[in-house]
Protein backbone atom coordinates (compact mmCIF):
# COMPACT_ATOMS: atom_id res chain seq x y z
CA UNK A 1 -7.72 9.20 13.02
CA UNK A 2 -10.32 9.97 15.71
CA UNK A 3 -10.91 7.78 18.73
CA UNK A 4 -13.65 5.21 18.04
CA UNK A 5 -17.26 6.33 18.27
CA UNK A 6 -18.21 3.23 20.22
CA UNK A 7 -15.69 3.73 23.03
CA UNK A 8 -17.64 3.62 26.26
CA UNK A 9 -17.65 6.94 28.13
CA UNK A 10 -16.07 6.84 31.55
CA UNK A 11 -18.67 6.75 34.29
CA UNK A 12 -16.57 8.81 36.64
CA UNK A 13 -17.75 12.35 37.19
CA UNK A 14 -15.62 15.47 37.20
CA UNK A 15 -12.56 16.35 35.19
CA UNK A 16 -11.90 12.90 33.70
CA UNK A 17 -15.54 12.49 32.67
CA UNK A 18 -15.41 15.84 30.87
CA UNK A 19 -12.34 14.79 28.92
CA UNK A 20 -14.01 11.57 27.83
CA UNK A 21 -17.13 13.44 26.76
CA UNK A 22 -14.97 15.59 24.51
CA UNK A 23 -13.36 12.44 23.11
CA UNK A 24 -16.83 11.13 22.29
CA UNK A 25 -17.65 14.36 20.47
CA UNK A 26 -14.45 14.12 18.42
CA UNK A 27 -15.36 10.56 17.48
CA UNK A 28 -18.45 11.51 15.48
CA UNK A 29 -18.14 10.69 11.78
CA UNK A 30 -16.83 13.62 9.77
CA UNK A 31 -17.69 14.54 6.21
CA UNK A 32 -14.74 14.31 3.82
CA UNK A 33 -14.35 18.08 3.55
CA UNK A 34 -14.06 18.40 7.32
CA UNK A 35 -11.49 15.65 7.90
CA UNK A 36 -7.89 16.50 8.77
CA UNK A 37 -6.63 13.77 6.40
CA UNK A 38 -8.09 11.80 3.52
CA UNK A 39 -7.12 9.15 0.94
CA UNK A 40 -5.10 10.62 -1.91
CA UNK A 41 -3.80 13.57 0.10
CA UNK A 42 -1.08 15.15 -2.09
CA UNK A 43 2.57 14.91 -1.12
CA UNK A 44 5.61 16.29 -2.88
CA UNK A 45 7.10 18.67 -0.31
CA UNK A 46 10.10 16.37 0.27
CA UNK A 47 12.32 16.02 -2.79
CA UNK A 48 15.40 13.85 -2.35
CA UNK A 49 16.25 14.31 -6.04
CA UNK A 50 16.57 17.68 -7.77
CA UNK A 51 15.20 18.18 -11.32
CA UNK A 52 18.79 18.02 -12.58
CA UNK A 53 19.31 14.73 -10.71
CA UNK A 54 16.24 13.21 -12.35
CA UNK A 55 17.32 14.30 -15.82
CA UNK A 56 20.74 12.75 -15.24
CA UNK A 57 19.19 9.50 -14.00
CA UNK A 58 16.83 9.45 -17.01
CA UNK A 59 19.71 9.62 -19.50
CA UNK A 60 21.58 6.84 -17.69
CA UNK A 61 18.41 4.72 -17.87
CA UNK A 62 18.25 5.23 -21.63
CA UNK A 63 21.92 4.16 -21.88
CA UNK A 64 21.24 0.98 -19.89
CA UNK A 65 18.25 -0.02 -22.02
CA UNK A 66 19.93 0.75 -25.35
CA UNK A 67 23.39 -0.63 -24.56
CA UNK A 68 22.87 -3.44 -22.01
CA UNK A 69 19.27 -4.58 -22.40
CA UNK A 70 17.49 -7.65 -21.00
CA UNK A 71 18.30 -11.36 -21.05
CA UNK A 72 16.10 -14.49 -21.08
CA UNK A 73 13.17 -13.24 -23.17
CA UNK A 74 10.61 -15.96 -23.91
CA UNK A 75 9.20 -16.37 -27.47
CA UNK A 76 5.98 -14.43 -26.85
CA UNK A 77 7.92 -11.60 -25.23
CA UNK A 78 10.24 -11.46 -28.22
CA UNK A 79 7.27 -11.37 -30.60
CA UNK A 80 5.47 -8.57 -28.77
CA UNK A 81 8.57 -6.48 -28.11
CA UNK A 82 10.30 -6.72 -31.47
CA UNK A 83 7.06 -5.72 -33.21
CA UNK A 84 7.07 -2.66 -30.98
CA UNK A 85 10.66 -1.82 -31.93
CA UNK A 86 12.94 -3.71 -29.53
CA UNK A 87 16.04 -5.35 -31.00
CA UNK A 88 17.29 -8.88 -30.28
CA UNK A 89 21.07 -9.04 -30.26
CA UNK A 90 23.26 -11.96 -31.29
CA UNK A 91 24.21 -12.30 -27.61
CA UNK A 92 20.59 -13.12 -26.74
CA UNK A 93 19.91 -9.81 -25.04
CA UNK A 94 16.96 -7.63 -26.01
CA UNK A 95 17.76 -3.93 -26.33
CA UNK A 96 15.49 -0.93 -26.47
CA UNK A 97 16.26 2.10 -28.67
CA UNK A 98 15.85 5.49 -27.06
CA UNK A 99 13.01 6.44 -29.37
CA UNK A 100 11.01 3.34 -28.38
CA UNK A 101 11.43 4.10 -24.67
CA UNK A 102 10.50 7.75 -24.99
CA UNK A 103 7.57 7.06 -27.33
CA UNK A 104 6.21 4.49 -24.86
CA UNK A 105 6.47 6.94 -21.98
CA UNK A 106 4.62 9.54 -24.05
CA UNK A 107 1.73 7.26 -25.05
CA UNK A 108 1.31 5.25 -21.84
CA UNK A 109 -2.02 5.47 -20.06
CA UNK A 110 -2.28 8.29 -17.54
CA UNK A 111 -4.68 9.50 -14.89
CA UNK A 112 -6.72 6.31 -14.69
CA UNK A 113 -8.28 5.19 -11.41
CA UNK A 114 -7.74 1.98 -9.53
CA UNK A 115 -11.20 0.71 -8.73
CA UNK A 116 -12.58 -0.92 -5.61
CA UNK A 117 -15.62 -3.12 -5.16
CA UNK A 118 -17.11 -0.22 -3.22
CA UNK A 119 -16.75 2.99 -5.29
CA UNK A 120 -16.12 4.96 -2.10
CA UNK A 121 -12.64 3.43 -2.06
CA UNK A 122 -11.69 4.11 -5.70
CA UNK A 123 -8.22 5.68 -5.93
CA UNK A 124 -6.73 8.30 -8.25
CA UNK A 125 -3.01 7.39 -8.08
CA UNK A 126 -1.54 10.08 -10.29
CA UNK A 127 0.20 13.42 -9.93
CA UNK A 128 1.38 13.52 -6.34
CA UNK A 129 -1.73 11.91 -4.81
CA UNK A 130 -0.64 9.45 -2.13
CA UNK A 131 -2.32 6.23 -0.95
CA UNK A 132 -1.04 3.75 1.63
CA UNK A 133 -1.68 0.01 1.52
CA UNK A 134 -0.38 -3.42 2.43
CA UNK A 135 1.74 -6.05 0.66
CA UNK A 136 4.55 -8.38 1.49
CA UNK A 137 3.73 -12.09 1.16
CA UNK A 138 4.97 -12.90 4.67
CA UNK A 139 5.40 -16.58 5.49
CA UNK A 140 4.82 -16.07 9.21
CA UNK A 141 2.34 -14.43 11.55
CA UNK A 142 3.78 -12.63 14.58
CA UNK A 143 1.93 -13.12 17.86
CA UNK A 144 2.11 -9.70 19.58
CA UNK A 145 2.32 -10.72 23.23
CA UNK A 146 4.78 -13.61 22.93
CA UNK A 147 6.77 -12.64 19.84
CA UNK A 148 6.21 -16.15 18.51
CA UNK A 149 6.44 -16.64 14.75
CA UNK A 150 4.10 -19.28 13.29
CA UNK A 151 3.28 -20.22 9.70
CA UNK A 152 0.57 -18.07 8.15
CA UNK A 153 -2.72 -19.43 6.79
CA UNK A 154 -5.65 -18.47 4.58
CA UNK A 155 -7.62 -17.49 7.70
CA UNK A 156 -4.83 -15.08 8.60
CA UNK A 157 -5.02 -13.56 5.12
CA UNK A 158 -8.79 -13.12 5.42
CA UNK A 159 -8.36 -11.58 8.89
CA UNK A 160 -5.79 -9.10 7.58
CA UNK A 161 -8.14 -8.10 4.77
CA UNK A 162 -10.95 -7.51 7.29
CA UNK A 163 -8.73 -5.35 9.47
CA UNK A 164 -7.67 -3.26 6.45
CA UNK A 165 -11.32 -2.96 5.43
CA UNK A 166 -11.98 -1.40 8.84
CA UNK A 167 -8.95 0.94 8.98
CA UNK A 168 -9.60 4.37 7.47
CA UNK A 169 -5.97 5.18 6.75
CA UNK A 170 -5.01 1.95 4.94
CA UNK A 171 -6.43 2.64 1.52
CA UNK A 172 -5.93 -0.63 -0.38
CA UNK A 173 -5.14 -4.27 0.32
CA UNK A 174 -2.42 -6.26 -1.36
CA UNK A 175 -2.00 -9.78 -0.04
CA UNK A 176 -0.11 -9.68 3.24
CA UNK A 177 0.87 -13.31 3.71
CA UNK A 178 1.29 -16.69 2.06
CA UNK A 179 -1.24 -19.41 2.89
CA UNK A 180 1.35 -21.97 3.97
CA UNK A 181 -1.14 -24.82 4.43
CA UNK A 182 -1.86 -24.78 0.68
CA UNK A 183 1.12 -26.41 -1.09
CA UNK A 184 -0.64 -26.57 -4.47
CA UNK A 185 0.20 -23.43 -6.50
CA UNK A 186 -3.32 -23.48 -8.00
CA UNK A 187 -4.99 -23.69 -4.60
CA UNK A 188 -2.69 -20.97 -3.31
CA UNK A 189 -3.36 -18.50 -6.14
CA UNK A 190 -7.13 -18.99 -6.19
CA UNK A 191 -7.55 -18.90 -2.42
CA UNK A 192 -5.29 -15.88 -2.02
CA UNK A 193 -7.45 -13.93 -4.45
CA UNK A 194 -10.67 -15.21 -2.89
CA UNK A 195 -9.75 -14.47 0.74
CA UNK A 196 -8.66 -10.97 -0.25
CA UNK A 197 -11.75 -9.95 -2.19
CA UNK A 198 -14.20 -11.36 0.34
CA UNK A 199 -12.33 -9.70 3.20
CA UNK A 200 -12.42 -6.12 1.93
CA UNK A 201 -14.28 -3.86 -0.48
CA UNK A 202 -11.12 -1.82 -1.11
CA UNK A 203 -8.87 -2.32 -4.14
CA UNK A 204 -7.02 -5.64 -3.94
CA UNK A 205 -3.63 -6.68 -5.30
CA UNK A 206 -2.54 -10.29 -5.61
CA UNK A 207 -0.07 -12.43 -7.53
CA UNK A 208 -0.39 -15.62 -9.58
CA UNK A 209 2.27 -18.16 -10.44
CA UNK A 210 0.85 -19.67 -13.66
CA UNK A 211 -1.11 -18.17 -16.57
CA UNK A 212 -3.88 -20.75 -16.17
CA UNK A 213 -4.40 -19.53 -12.62
CA UNK A 214 -4.75 -15.97 -13.89
CA UNK A 215 -7.51 -17.16 -16.22
CA UNK A 216 -9.30 -18.92 -13.37
CA UNK A 217 -9.01 -15.94 -11.04
CA UNK A 218 -10.41 -13.72 -13.79
CA UNK A 219 -13.39 -16.09 -14.11
CA UNK A 220 -14.00 -15.78 -10.37
CA UNK A 221 -13.77 -12.01 -10.53
CA UNK A 222 -16.25 -11.92 -13.42
CA UNK A 223 -18.70 -13.80 -11.21
CA UNK A 224 -18.23 -11.30 -8.37
CA UNK A 225 -18.50 -8.30 -10.70
CA UNK A 226 -21.66 -9.61 -12.38
CA UNK A 227 -20.10 -10.45 -15.73
CA UNK A 228 -16.94 -9.90 -17.75
CA UNK A 229 -18.22 -6.63 -19.16
CA UNK A 230 -18.79 -5.21 -15.70
CA UNK A 231 -15.38 -6.43 -14.58
CA UNK A 232 -13.70 -4.68 -17.50
CA UNK A 233 -15.55 -1.47 -16.65
CA UNK A 234 -14.30 -1.54 -13.06
CA UNK A 235 -11.40 -3.98 -12.54
CA UNK A 236 -11.05 -4.00 -8.75
CA UNK A 237 -8.07 -6.37 -8.52
CA UNK A 238 -4.56 -5.75 -9.84
CA UNK A 239 -1.90 -8.37 -10.51
CA UNK A 240 1.42 -8.09 -8.71
CA UNK A 241 3.86 -9.24 -11.36
CA UNK A 242 7.62 -9.75 -10.97
CA UNK A 243 8.20 -9.99 -14.74
CA UNK A 244 11.84 -9.11 -14.18
CA UNK A 245 14.54 -10.97 -12.27
CA UNK A 246 17.08 -8.32 -11.28
CA UNK A 247 19.48 -7.52 -12.70
CA UNK A 248 17.89 -7.10 -16.13
CA UNK A 249 16.46 -10.54 -16.92
CA UNK A 250 12.94 -11.63 -17.82
CA UNK A 251 11.06 -14.13 -15.62
CA UNK A 252 9.38 -16.74 -17.81
CA UNK A 253 6.25 -17.66 -15.83
CA UNK A 254 5.62 -14.10 -14.68
CA UNK A 255 5.79 -12.86 -18.29
CA UNK A 256 3.14 -15.36 -19.30
CA UNK A 257 0.95 -14.27 -16.39
CA UNK A 258 1.42 -10.63 -17.36
CA UNK A 259 0.18 -11.28 -20.88
CA UNK A 260 -3.01 -12.99 -19.67
CA UNK A 261 -3.70 -10.22 -17.16
CA UNK A 262 -3.26 -7.41 -19.69
CA UNK A 263 -5.54 -9.11 -22.22
CA UNK A 264 -8.04 -9.77 -19.40
CA UNK A 265 -8.30 -6.10 -18.46
CA UNK A 266 -6.49 -6.48 -15.13
CA UNK A 267 -4.14 -3.67 -14.07
CA UNK A 268 -0.59 -4.97 -13.66
CA UNK A 269 1.85 -3.88 -10.97
CA UNK A 270 5.11 -3.94 -12.93
CA UNK A 271 7.31 -4.98 -10.07
CA UNK A 272 11.09 -4.55 -10.01
CA UNK A 273 12.45 -5.68 -6.64
CA UNK A 274 16.23 -5.63 -6.80
CA UNK A 275 18.22 -5.42 -3.56
CA UNK A 276 20.89 -2.74 -3.38
CA UNK A 277 24.30 -4.33 -2.95
CA UNK A 278 23.06 -7.78 -4.04
CA UNK A 279 20.86 -7.82 -7.16
CA UNK A 280 21.15 -4.07 -7.74
CA UNK A 281 24.10 -1.66 -7.41
CA UNK A 282 25.19 -0.65 -3.90
CA UNK A 283 24.99 2.93 -5.11
CA UNK A 284 21.48 4.16 -4.31
CA UNK A 285 21.43 6.24 -7.49
CA UNK A 286 22.54 3.19 -9.47
CA UNK A 287 19.76 1.13 -7.91
CA UNK A 288 17.23 3.80 -8.97
CA UNK A 289 18.61 3.65 -12.51
CA UNK A 290 18.26 -0.13 -12.66
CA UNK A 291 14.80 -0.23 -11.06
CA UNK A 292 13.35 2.44 -13.33
CA UNK A 293 14.96 0.86 -16.40
CA UNK A 294 13.41 -2.49 -15.52
CA UNK A 295 9.96 -0.98 -15.02
CA UNK A 296 10.17 0.96 -18.26
CA UNK A 297 10.70 -2.34 -20.06
CA UNK A 298 7.55 -3.57 -18.34
CA UNK A 299 5.72 -0.48 -19.59
CA UNK A 300 6.90 -1.21 -23.13
CA UNK A 301 5.74 -4.82 -22.72
CA UNK A 302 2.25 -3.87 -21.50
CA UNK A 303 1.75 -1.35 -24.29
CA UNK A 304 3.05 -3.78 -26.91
CA UNK A 305 0.32 -6.23 -25.83
CA UNK A 306 -2.46 -3.65 -25.48
CA UNK A 307 -1.77 0.05 -26.07
CA UNK A 308 -3.03 2.16 -23.17
CA UNK A 309 -3.51 -0.80 -20.80
CA UNK A 310 -3.58 0.04 -17.07
CA UNK A 311 -0.41 -0.55 -15.06
CA UNK A 312 1.32 0.48 -11.85
CA UNK A 313 4.92 1.59 -12.32
CA UNK A 314 6.31 -0.52 -9.49
CA UNK A 315 9.88 0.62 -8.86
CA UNK A 316 10.26 -1.37 -5.66
CA UNK A 317 13.96 -1.85 -4.84
CA UNK A 318 15.12 -2.89 -1.38
CA UNK A 319 18.24 -2.20 0.68
CA UNK A 320 20.88 -4.61 1.94
CA UNK A 321 22.75 -4.40 5.21
CA UNK A 322 26.13 -4.57 3.52
CA UNK A 323 27.72 -6.15 6.58
CA UNK A 324 25.60 -9.30 6.22
CA UNK A 325 23.78 -9.08 2.89
CA UNK A 326 20.43 -9.32 4.71
CA UNK A 327 17.56 -7.10 3.62
CA UNK A 328 17.03 -3.96 5.71
CA UNK A 329 13.51 -2.69 5.02
CA UNK A 330 13.49 -0.27 7.95
CA UNK A 331 16.73 1.56 7.12
CA UNK A 332 17.05 5.28 6.30
CA UNK A 333 18.57 4.23 2.97
CA UNK A 334 15.27 2.48 2.20
CA UNK A 335 13.41 5.74 2.85
CA UNK A 336 15.73 7.58 0.47
CA UNK A 337 15.53 4.90 -2.20
CA UNK A 338 11.73 4.60 -2.12
CA UNK A 339 11.33 8.39 -2.10
CA UNK A 340 13.57 8.70 -5.14
CA UNK A 341 11.60 6.01 -6.97
CA UNK A 342 8.37 7.84 -6.20
CA UNK A 343 9.87 10.99 -7.64
CA UNK A 344 10.91 9.22 -10.84
CA UNK A 345 7.35 8.04 -11.44
CA UNK A 346 6.25 11.66 -10.95
CA UNK A 347 9.02 12.75 -13.35
CA UNK A 348 7.47 10.59 -16.09
CA UNK A 349 3.89 11.39 -14.95
CA UNK A 350 3.16 7.68 -14.54
CA UNK A 351 0.95 5.98 -11.95
CA UNK A 352 3.69 4.79 -9.59
CA UNK A 353 4.09 2.57 -6.57
CA UNK A 354 6.90 1.57 -4.23
CA UNK A 355 7.44 -0.11 -0.86
CA UNK A 356 7.89 1.57 2.53
CA UNK A 357 7.15 0.70 6.13
CA UNK A 358 8.49 -2.87 6.26
CA UNK A 359 10.50 -2.60 9.44
CA UNK A 360 13.44 -4.81 10.47
CA UNK A 361 12.13 -5.20 14.02
CA UNK A 362 10.59 -8.60 14.74
CA UNK A 363 7.79 -7.39 17.06
CA UNK A 364 5.77 -4.29 17.95
CA UNK A 365 8.40 -2.25 19.78
CA UNK A 366 10.28 1.04 19.77
CA UNK A 367 12.41 0.01 16.79
CA UNK A 368 9.36 -0.91 14.74
CA UNK A 369 7.77 2.44 15.50
CA UNK A 370 10.67 4.63 14.51
CA UNK A 371 11.56 2.62 11.40
CA UNK A 372 7.99 2.75 10.16
CA UNK A 373 7.41 6.38 11.06
CA UNK A 374 10.27 7.96 9.15
CA UNK A 375 9.89 5.67 6.13
CA UNK A 376 6.15 6.25 5.81
CA UNK A 377 6.47 10.00 6.40
CA UNK A 378 9.32 10.67 3.99
CA UNK A 379 8.05 8.46 1.17
CA UNK A 380 4.57 9.98 1.46
CA UNK A 381 5.94 13.50 1.51
CA UNK A 382 7.92 12.66 -1.65
CA UNK A 383 4.57 12.33 -3.48
CA UNK A 384 4.67 8.58 -4.15
CA UNK A 385 1.28 7.54 -5.49
CA UNK A 386 0.94 4.06 -4.00
CA UNK A 387 2.94 3.04 -0.94
CA UNK A 388 2.90 -0.73 -0.51
CA UNK A 389 3.96 -2.71 2.56
CA UNK A 390 2.96 0.33 4.61
CA UNK A 391 1.21 -1.62 7.36
CA UNK A 392 1.67 -4.79 9.37
CA UNK A 393 5.08 -5.99 8.25
CA UNK A 394 7.99 -7.10 10.43
CA UNK A 395 11.40 -8.74 9.95
CA UNK A 396 11.81 -7.14 6.52
CA UNK A 397 8.68 -8.86 5.15
CA UNK A 398 9.09 -12.26 6.81
CA UNK A 399 6.35 -11.62 9.37
CA UNK A 400 2.89 -10.06 9.42
CA UNK A 401 1.29 -8.96 12.68
CA UNK A 402 -2.44 -8.24 12.69
CA UNK A 403 -2.11 -5.91 15.65
CA UNK A 404 0.57 -3.96 13.80
CA UNK A 405 -1.94 -3.27 11.03
CA UNK A 406 -4.01 -1.40 13.60
CA UNK A 407 -0.95 0.35 15.03
CA UNK A 408 0.28 1.37 11.58
CA UNK A 409 -3.13 2.84 10.80
CA UNK A 410 -2.21 5.49 13.41
CA UNK A 411 1.31 6.01 12.02
CA UNK A 412 -0.08 6.53 8.52
CA UNK A 413 -2.54 9.09 9.88
CA UNK A 414 0.32 11.04 11.44
CA UNK A 415 2.37 10.79 8.21
CA UNK A 416 -0.58 12.09 6.20
CA UNK A 417 -1.01 15.01 8.56
CA UNK A 418 2.58 16.10 7.93
CA UNK A 419 1.87 15.91 4.19
CA UNK A 420 -1.08 18.27 4.53
CA UNK A 421 1.10 20.90 6.17
CA UNK A 422 -0.02 24.19 7.76
CA UNK A 423 -2.97 26.27 6.57
CA UNK A 424 -1.89 29.87 6.00
CA UNK A 425 -5.17 31.10 4.55
CA UNK A 426 -6.65 34.45 5.56
CA UNK A 427 -9.09 32.58 7.78
CA UNK A 428 -6.29 30.73 9.59
CA UNK A 429 -4.31 33.97 10.04
CA UNK A 430 -7.24 36.11 11.15
CA UNK A 431 -6.01 37.93 14.29
CA UNK A 432 -9.53 38.63 15.57
CA UNK A 433 -9.38 35.37 17.52
CA UNK A 434 -6.21 36.60 19.25
CA UNK A 435 -7.76 40.03 19.84
CA UNK A 436 -10.93 38.60 21.36
CA UNK A 437 -9.00 36.33 23.73
CA UNK A 438 -6.41 38.88 24.83
CA UNK A 439 -8.57 42.02 25.11
CA UNK A 440 -11.43 41.51 27.49
CA UNK A 441 -11.46 37.78 26.87
CA UNK A 442 -10.73 34.73 29.00
CA UNK A 443 -6.98 34.72 28.31
CA UNK A 444 -7.04 31.27 26.70
CA UNK A 445 -8.36 29.70 23.49
CA UNK A 446 -9.97 26.54 24.88
CA UNK A 447 -13.55 27.59 24.21
CA UNK A 448 -13.08 29.89 21.23
CA UNK A 449 -15.11 29.38 18.08
CA UNK A 450 -11.92 28.78 16.10
CA UNK A 451 -10.74 26.06 18.48
CA UNK A 452 -14.08 24.26 18.38
CA UNK A 453 -14.16 24.54 14.59
CA UNK A 454 -10.62 23.29 14.01
CA UNK A 455 -10.34 20.60 16.66
CA UNK A 456 -11.66 18.00 14.20
CA UNK A 457 -10.77 19.53 10.84
CA UNK A 458 -7.09 20.25 11.52
CA UNK A 459 -6.08 17.78 14.24
CA UNK A 460 -5.46 14.02 14.00
CA UNK A 461 -6.18 11.89 17.06
CA UNK A 462 -4.61 8.43 17.44
CA UNK A 463 -6.84 5.39 17.64
CA UNK A 464 -4.70 3.47 20.13
CA UNK A 465 -1.92 5.92 20.98
CA UNK A 466 -1.66 7.02 24.63
CA UNK A 467 -2.20 10.70 25.42
CA UNK A 468 -3.46 10.21 28.95
CA UNK A 469 -1.89 11.82 31.99
CA UNK A 470 0.17 9.49 34.21
CA UNK A 471 -2.63 9.48 36.81
CA UNK A 472 -5.25 8.56 34.24
CA UNK A 473 -3.00 5.87 32.76
CA UNK A 474 -2.57 4.38 36.23
CA UNK A 475 -6.33 4.42 36.82
CA UNK A 476 -6.87 2.53 33.56
CA UNK A 477 -4.53 -0.28 34.62
CA UNK A 478 -1.34 0.93 32.91
CA UNK A 479 -2.10 -0.61 29.49
CA UNK A 480 0.85 -0.77 27.11
CA UNK A 481 0.69 0.13 23.45
CA UNK A 482 0.65 -3.56 22.57
CA UNK A 483 -2.19 -4.16 25.05
CA UNK A 484 -4.30 -1.52 23.34
CA UNK A 485 -3.45 -2.85 19.87
CA UNK A 486 -4.45 -6.38 20.92
CA UNK A 487 -7.74 -5.16 22.35
CA UNK A 488 -8.61 -3.08 19.27
CA UNK A 489 -7.69 -5.88 16.85
CA UNK A 490 -9.81 -8.39 18.77
CA UNK A 491 -12.79 -6.01 18.58
CA UNK A 492 -12.42 -5.67 14.80
CA UNK A 493 -12.08 -9.40 14.19
CA UNK A 494 -15.05 -10.17 16.43
CA UNK A 495 -17.41 -7.65 14.89
CA UNK A 496 -16.33 -6.92 11.30
CA UNK A 497 -17.26 -9.58 8.73
CA UNK A 498 -17.85 -7.93 5.34
CA UNK A 499 -20.91 -9.29 3.47
CA UNK A 500 -20.57 -7.53 0.14
CA UNK A 501 -20.59 -10.77 -1.90
CA UNK A 502 -23.98 -12.48 -1.95
CA UNK A 503 -24.45 -16.04 -0.72
CA UNK A 504 -25.66 -17.01 -4.18
CA UNK A 505 -22.46 -15.79 -5.85
CA UNK A 506 -20.32 -17.33 -3.12
CA UNK A 507 -22.08 -20.68 -3.56
CA UNK A 508 -21.33 -20.54 -7.29
CA UNK A 509 -17.68 -19.72 -6.64
CA UNK A 510 -17.33 -22.59 -4.18
CA UNK A 511 -18.96 -24.98 -6.65
CA UNK A 512 -16.44 -24.07 -9.35
CA UNK A 513 -13.20 -23.45 -7.47
CA UNK A 514 -11.32 -25.21 -4.62
CA UNK A 515 -12.10 -22.65 -1.90
CA UNK A 516 -10.45 -23.59 1.41
CA UNK A 517 -11.68 -20.75 3.62
CA UNK A 518 -14.37 -22.23 5.89
CA UNK A 519 -17.51 -20.18 6.25
CA UNK A 520 -17.35 -20.50 10.03
CA UNK A 521 -14.11 -18.51 9.83
CA UNK A 522 -16.08 -15.85 7.95
CA UNK A 523 -18.49 -15.31 10.84
CA UNK A 524 -21.21 -17.60 9.54
CA UNK A 525 -23.04 -20.08 11.73
CA UNK A 526 -23.05 -23.60 10.34
């Protein structure tokens, strides 16, 4: 990402002033075709599983679903699934014949977009197109300078949505934190959805705990969209749904919520979140088998309710530190596991999503940087369509840091640049540039036409990363990475208050629903 267009040019003359003038030039807004990175940049160059591996895993998945099946199906689930071809056993487990699984994979919806309130941010999460976004449901906010953890609020959620709305390289927003001051599940579900959709025009993901809350949230979204028909044309919110309790059991309330969402035209993130070594096998390959099997049951469920309904194939397993049993979201095993899950969604040609980037480090530090960098880079290069939890998360999802959202925007940019690779076109390999510089030329490429042309199209520049010389860094007061992240985040929160929902619609929403987000926290003067 380029350095911000509004950064004030240094007043000093001479060499430093010239550098800053060039930074200003690089900061001008680029057209999409001239950007070095863009949303939906294709991955797929990193393949942790071979085609033979994926075939082997697929056949094990079919064995699990046909021979072991799922427990704890509720009556409506049994009705939908058995009509589709599932079989209830005398032991109370629901099993899925191979033909049912393979037929569902064949007829499932494909190549459908995920919409945003602003069409500029619509996503095409299929093939090996890659998008990065948030998620996590943290219960704490991390203060960057002190490392203090405090309970998160609805204002924090709204602030995180605003930051994501501003960050070019975070492509969608799934709720980042729990509003801990709202103990009522109804208030929590409604306000989580509200704070998210008023904070960003990008695609939003959120969860609900009761089917009645899904109905109410849908009513609110109809009001924002301008009617139910317009909502169904462009559903800009998806439901994060943990319909499965690993290993291989249905979750009653989540199943009821799933049914309402599917019938209401809301895309459903079919979320399987087992933890390797705890609620999933310690074998990474075994965890992939279980996660994909669980999500395939979700796909059968969605299509039994409404054939061709939109979904996100959310194979989202986590890793345990087997010494303690604690989750380790920043581990290399997590990168391998998430990459493999992304590949399996590609294997079935399904719109897939997984988690990556939720570091174990508690604060913005060296550990956070390296854990995030290799996870985000490898999982993106694997061709995973939707990468959740890619920004802002600490302590394996227990903490969200607003400043880390801004920092991760830079890491994602770098990860995307590695996905794009190296241009070996005839234009890029034209030796005339070398000839002109070396024979009768200046002996360097600094002012060549090619350099000036490619400096924006092929090169990514960090927003807050430090590339100054030591002397220049000293002259600027020796700011740390955290200092720069704090400054940038404060600028965004001071100046960026999205106004895409009219006051009239907002008044109607507040009259009908228990909205707790104060308008003064939305940048409005009382």
